[in-house]
N, C-alpha and C. Protein backbone atom coordinates (compact mmCIF):
# COMPACT_ATOMS: atom_id res chain seq x y z
N MET A 1 -2.22 1.16 3.07
CA MET A 1 -1.34 1.61 3.38
C MET A 1 -1.58 3.15 3.46
N PHE A 2 -0.43 3.81 4.05
CA PHE A 2 0.08 5.56 4.34
C PHE A 2 1.06 5.67 3.82
N LEU A 3 1.22 6.66 3.01
CA LEU A 3 2.45 7.15 2.21
C LEU A 3 2.81 8.44 2.94
N VAL A 4 4.22 8.74 3.19
CA VAL A 4 4.70 10.26 3.64
C VAL A 4 6.02 10.36 2.70
N CYS A 5 5.44 10.90 2.03
CA CYS A 5 7.08 11.85 1.05
C CYS A 5 7.23 12.98 1.46
N GLY A 6 8.47 12.96 1.46
CA GLY A 6 9.59 14.14 1.48
C GLY A 6 10.40 14.46 0.76
N SER A 7 11.45 15.57 0.50
CA SER A 7 12.19 16.06 -0.66
C SER A 7 13.66 16.86 0.40
N SER A 8 14.65 16.32 0.21
CA SER A 8 15.96 16.87 0.67
C SER A 8 16.79 17.89 -0.67
N LYS A 9 17.24 18.27 -0.40
CA LYS A 9 18.16 19.08 -1.20
C LYS A 9 19.70 18.90 -0.53
N SER A 10 20.79 18.27 -0.95
CA SER A 10 22.30 18.42 0.24
C SER A 10 23.05 18.94 -1.41
N SER A 11 24.05 19.29 -0.89
CA SER A 11 24.99 20.00 -1.54
C SER A 11 25.82 19.10 -2.49
N ARG A 12 26.36 19.60 -3.04
CA ARG A 12 26.58 18.32 -4.52
C ARG A 12 28.28 17.63 -3.66
N ALA A 13 28.51 17.87 -2.75
CA ALA A 13 29.73 17.32 -2.15
C ALA A 13 28.91 16.63 -0.94
N ARG A 14 28.18 16.93 -0.38
CA ARG A 14 27.19 16.31 0.20
C ARG A 14 26.34 15.25 0.13
N GLY A 15 26.29 14.78 -0.70
CA GLY A 15 25.24 14.06 -1.51
C GLY A 15 25.47 12.39 -1.41
N ASN A 16 26.39 11.93 -1.49
CA ASN A 16 26.90 10.88 -1.14
C ASN A 16 26.92 10.48 0.32
N VAL A 17 27.45 11.40 1.36
CA VAL A 17 27.25 11.38 2.65
C VAL A 17 25.74 10.85 3.19
N PHE A 18 25.06 11.83 2.37
CA PHE A 18 23.79 12.10 2.74
C PHE A 18 23.00 10.70 2.31
N LYS A 19 23.07 10.19 1.15
CA LYS A 19 22.72 8.80 0.74
C LYS A 19 22.80 7.85 1.93
N LYS A 20 24.07 7.79 2.04
CA LYS A 20 24.40 6.53 2.80
C LYS A 20 24.06 6.80 4.12
N SER A 21 23.65 8.16 4.91
CA SER A 21 23.31 8.20 6.12
C SER A 21 21.73 7.80 6.14
N THR A 22 20.91 8.24 4.98
CA THR A 22 19.41 8.06 5.34
C THR A 22 19.69 6.09 4.91
N VAL A 23 20.51 5.39 4.31
CA VAL A 23 20.14 4.33 4.14
C VAL A 23 20.91 3.74 5.69
N LEU A 24 21.38 3.98 6.20
CA LEU A 24 21.89 3.61 7.56
C LEU A 24 20.82 3.97 8.42
N ALA A 25 20.38 5.09 8.45
CA ALA A 25 19.05 5.29 9.33
C ALA A 25 17.77 4.26 9.08
N VAL A 26 17.67 3.96 8.01
CA VAL A 26 16.42 3.48 7.57
C VAL A 26 17.08 1.71 7.74
N THR A 27 18.22 1.08 7.89
CA THR A 27 18.67 -0.57 8.25
C THR A 27 19.18 -0.57 9.15
N GLY A 28 19.69 0.51 9.78
CA GLY A 28 20.58 0.32 11.16
C GLY A 28 20.26 1.22 12.44
N ILE A 29 18.99 1.67 12.64
CA ILE A 29 18.67 2.37 13.62
C ILE A 29 17.47 1.44 14.35
N PRO A 30 17.69 1.12 15.94
CA PRO A 30 17.19 0.22 16.47
C PRO A 30 15.98 0.34 16.51
N PHE A 31 15.15 1.61 16.66
CA PHE A 31 14.17 1.98 16.74
C PHE A 31 12.64 1.71 15.90
N PHE A 32 13.54 1.44 14.66
CA PHE A 32 12.67 0.94 13.23
C PHE A 32 13.06 -0.70 13.68
N THR A 33 11.40 -0.44 13.47
CA THR A 33 11.32 -2.46 13.67
C THR A 33 10.85 -2.74 12.59
N ALA A 34 10.54 -4.10 12.04
CA ALA A 34 10.24 -4.42 11.09
C ALA A 34 8.99 -4.07 10.24
N SER A 35 8.25 -3.17 11.08
CA SER A 35 6.59 -3.18 10.33
C SER A 35 6.66 -1.44 10.60
N GLU A 36 7.90 -0.67 11.00
CA GLU A 36 7.83 0.43 11.28
C GLU A 36 9.11 1.02 10.24
N PRO A 37 9.15 1.60 9.66
CA PRO A 37 8.03 1.61 8.18
C PRO A 37 8.05 0.57 7.80
N CYS A 38 6.80 0.25 7.06
CA CYS A 38 6.86 -1.27 6.58
C CYS A 38 8.18 -1.24 5.02
N ARG A 39 8.12 -0.13 4.59
CA ARG A 39 9.45 -0.02 3.43
C ARG A 39 9.43 1.42 3.33
N THR A 40 10.59 1.71 3.08
CA THR A 40 11.62 2.84 2.81
C THR A 40 11.89 3.05 1.78
N ARG A 41 11.79 4.15 0.97
CA ARG A 41 12.51 4.01 -0.21
C ARG A 41 13.26 5.44 -0.62
N LEU A 42 15.11 5.48 -1.06
CA LEU A 42 15.37 6.97 -1.36
C LEU A 42 15.49 6.76 -2.67
N PHE A 43 15.18 8.03 -3.44
CA PHE A 43 15.09 8.05 -4.83
C PHE A 43 16.16 9.26 -4.83
N GLN A 44 17.01 9.00 -5.93
CA GLN A 44 17.97 10.60 -6.27
C GLN A 44 17.32 10.94 -7.48
N ASP A 45 17.20 12.19 -7.81
CA ASP A 45 16.69 12.84 -8.83
C ASP A 45 17.77 12.62 -9.89
N THR A 46 17.73 12.76 -11.11
CA THR A 46 18.64 11.97 -12.35
C THR A 46 18.88 13.14 -13.06
N THR A 47 18.33 14.32 -12.83
CA THR A 47 18.66 15.56 -13.75
C THR A 47 19.05 17.00 -13.16
N ARG A 48 18.54 16.61 -11.59
CA ARG A 48 19.08 17.80 -10.35
C ARG A 48 19.98 17.10 -9.28
N SER A 49 21.17 17.75 -9.62
CA SER A 49 22.12 16.80 -8.55
C SER A 49 21.77 17.50 -7.09
N GLY A 50 22.08 16.31 -6.24
CA GLY A 50 21.71 16.59 -4.74
C GLY A 50 20.44 16.55 -4.37
N MET A 51 19.36 15.92 -5.07
CA MET A 51 17.84 16.42 -5.19
C MET A 51 17.64 14.75 -4.75
N PHE A 52 16.96 14.57 -3.94
CA PHE A 52 16.56 12.82 -3.18
C PHE A 52 15.11 13.25 -2.47
N LEU A 53 14.14 12.00 -2.87
CA LEU A 53 12.98 12.04 -2.24
C LEU A 53 12.69 10.79 -1.70
N THR A 54 12.78 10.73 -0.75
CA THR A 54 12.37 9.85 0.40
C THR A 54 10.67 9.18 0.54
N SER A 55 10.63 8.45 0.77
CA SER A 55 9.07 7.72 0.60
C SER A 55 9.10 6.46 1.60
N ASP A 56 8.20 7.04 2.64
CA ASP A 56 7.70 6.21 3.58
C ASP A 56 6.85 5.06 3.41
N TYR A 57 6.75 3.95 3.50
CA TYR A 57 5.62 3.16 3.74
C TYR A 57 4.80 2.78 4.98
N TRP A 58 3.81 2.97 5.27
CA TRP A 58 3.30 2.53 6.54
C TRP A 58 2.15 1.62 6.39
N LEU A 59 1.86 1.00 7.56
CA LEU A 59 0.73 0.02 7.33
C LEU A 59 -0.68 0.49 7.19
N SER A 60 -0.85 2.03 8.23
CA SER A 60 -1.79 2.83 7.83
C SER A 60 -1.34 3.94 8.50
N ARG A 61 -2.30 4.96 8.34
CA ARG A 61 -2.20 6.27 9.39
C ARG A 61 -1.87 6.15 10.65
N LYS A 62 -2.47 5.37 11.02
CA LYS A 62 -2.80 5.07 12.75
C LYS A 62 -1.31 4.23 12.92
N ALA A 63 -0.82 3.81 11.91
CA ALA A 63 0.68 3.11 12.63
C ALA A 63 1.63 4.07 12.64
N TYR A 64 1.51 5.25 11.41
CA TYR A 64 2.55 6.27 11.71
C TYR A 64 2.52 7.21 12.80
N GLU A 65 1.14 7.61 12.87
CA GLU A 65 0.80 8.62 13.76
C GLU A 65 1.42 7.69 15.48
N ALA A 66 1.08 6.57 15.48
CA ALA A 66 1.62 6.04 16.77
C ALA A 66 3.19 5.82 17.02
N PHE A 67 3.99 5.85 15.87
CA PHE A 67 5.55 5.74 15.68
C PHE A 67 5.64 6.81 16.29
N LEU A 68 5.12 8.00 15.60
CA LEU A 68 5.57 9.08 16.14
C LEU A 68 5.22 9.84 17.40
N GLU A 69 4.54 9.15 18.04
CA GLU A 69 3.98 9.65 19.47
C GLU A 69 4.82 8.47 20.09
N LEU A 70 5.34 7.56 20.15
CA LEU A 70 6.14 6.88 20.73
C LEU A 70 7.77 6.89 20.41
N ARG A 71 8.00 7.55 19.63
CA ARG A 71 9.49 7.39 19.17
C ARG A 71 9.75 9.03 18.61
N ARG A 72 8.59 10.22 18.63
CA ARG A 72 9.16 11.09 18.15
C ARG A 72 10.67 11.55 18.72
N SER A 73 10.89 11.80 19.80
CA SER A 73 12.09 12.31 20.50
C SER A 73 13.14 11.47 19.54
N GLU A 74 13.34 10.38 19.62
CA GLU A 74 14.52 9.40 18.67
C GLU A 74 14.44 9.95 17.64
N TYR A 75 13.49 10.37 16.93
CA TYR A 75 13.39 10.67 15.23
C TYR A 75 13.85 12.02 15.61
N ASN A 76 13.71 12.85 16.27
CA ASN A 76 14.50 13.92 16.44
C ASN A 76 15.73 14.13 16.27
N ARG A 77 15.85 13.15 17.44
CA ARG A 77 17.69 13.34 17.39
C ARG A 77 18.26 13.08 16.37
N LEU A 78 17.33 11.85 15.66
CA LEU A 78 18.16 11.44 13.66
C LEU A 78 18.15 12.80 12.95
N ASP A 79 17.20 13.30 13.33
CA ASP A 79 16.81 14.40 12.33
C ASP A 79 18.13 15.19 12.29
N ALA A 80 18.04 15.66 13.85
CA ALA A 80 19.00 16.78 14.35
C ALA A 80 20.50 16.29 13.89
N ALA A 81 20.82 14.91 13.93
CA ALA A 81 21.99 14.58 13.71
C ALA A 81 22.36 14.27 12.74
N THR A 82 21.47 14.64 11.38
CA THR A 82 21.94 14.47 9.54
C THR A 82 21.68 15.61 9.09
N GLU A 83 20.88 17.06 10.31
CA GLU A 83 20.59 17.90 9.54
C GLU A 83 21.77 18.92 8.82
N ASP A 84 22.69 18.74 8.80
CA ASP A 84 24.15 19.32 8.52
C ASP A 84 24.51 18.92 6.93
N LEU A 85 23.76 17.46 6.84
CA LEU A 85 23.55 17.17 5.21
C LEU A 85 23.05 17.42 4.26
N THR A 86 21.88 18.70 5.04
CA THR A 86 20.90 19.14 4.10
C THR A 86 21.12 20.41 3.19
N LEU A 87 20.48 21.21 2.26
CA LEU A 87 20.84 22.62 2.17
C LEU A 87 19.09 22.66 2.82
N SER A 88 18.27 21.99 2.46
CA SER A 88 16.76 22.26 2.52
C SER A 88 15.87 20.79 2.54
N GLU A 89 14.70 20.88 3.72
CA GLU A 89 14.03 19.48 3.35
C GLU A 89 12.89 20.19 3.32
N ARG A 90 11.99 19.36 3.22
CA ARG A 90 10.36 19.71 3.08
C ARG A 90 9.36 18.43 2.56
N GLN A 91 8.28 18.39 3.53
CA GLN A 91 7.32 17.39 3.25
C GLN A 91 6.47 17.40 1.79
N ILE A 92 6.33 16.22 1.40
CA ILE A 92 5.67 16.97 -0.14
C ILE A 92 4.30 16.37 0.43
N GLY A 93 3.88 15.16 0.88
CA GLY A 93 2.68 14.97 1.37
C GLY A 93 2.02 13.97 1.78
N SER A 94 1.32 13.35 2.33
CA SER A 94 1.22 12.43 3.17
C SER A 94 -0.63 11.24 2.42
N LEU A 95 -0.21 10.51 1.69
CA LEU A 95 -1.18 9.94 0.77
C LEU A 95 -1.74 8.84 1.71
N GLU A 96 -2.94 7.95 1.25
CA GLU A 96 -3.75 6.90 1.79
C GLU A 96 -4.51 5.85 1.04
N THR A 97 -4.30 4.86 1.03
CA THR A 97 -4.87 3.90 0.01
C THR A 97 -5.16 2.76 0.92
N ASP A 98 -5.98 2.11 0.64
CA ASP A 98 -6.65 0.49 1.02
C ASP A 98 -5.69 -0.42 0.98
N THR A 99 -4.99 -0.46 -0.33
CA THR A 99 -4.13 -1.42 -0.68
C THR A 99 -2.74 -1.40 0.35
N ALA A 100 -2.67 -2.73 0.50
CA ALA A 100 -1.30 -3.04 1.69
C ALA A 100 -0.34 -2.88 1.41
N CYS A 101 1.10 -3.01 2.10
CA CYS A 101 2.29 -2.78 1.78
C CYS A 101 2.84 -3.98 1.19
């Protein structure tokens, strides 16, 4: 399994919109197939308002890289469409294990 983690900061006023748009992106965007990613989770920080952690679980690094190669332009359009909902975004890291999704 391959895990990609990122953090996002949204303004207090935009936090709920960000949360809804992220859930919609993961569940309602047609270019995500059942296995791409195999699971995505959005966590909201309980002590810092507007802070979120996104974790995307992939079958492998190879599956993640293949997705990016195939769908990079669509992924970038989605990111641009929701850009005004965040004050900042950063990738925390990419982690790998031999455990399956």
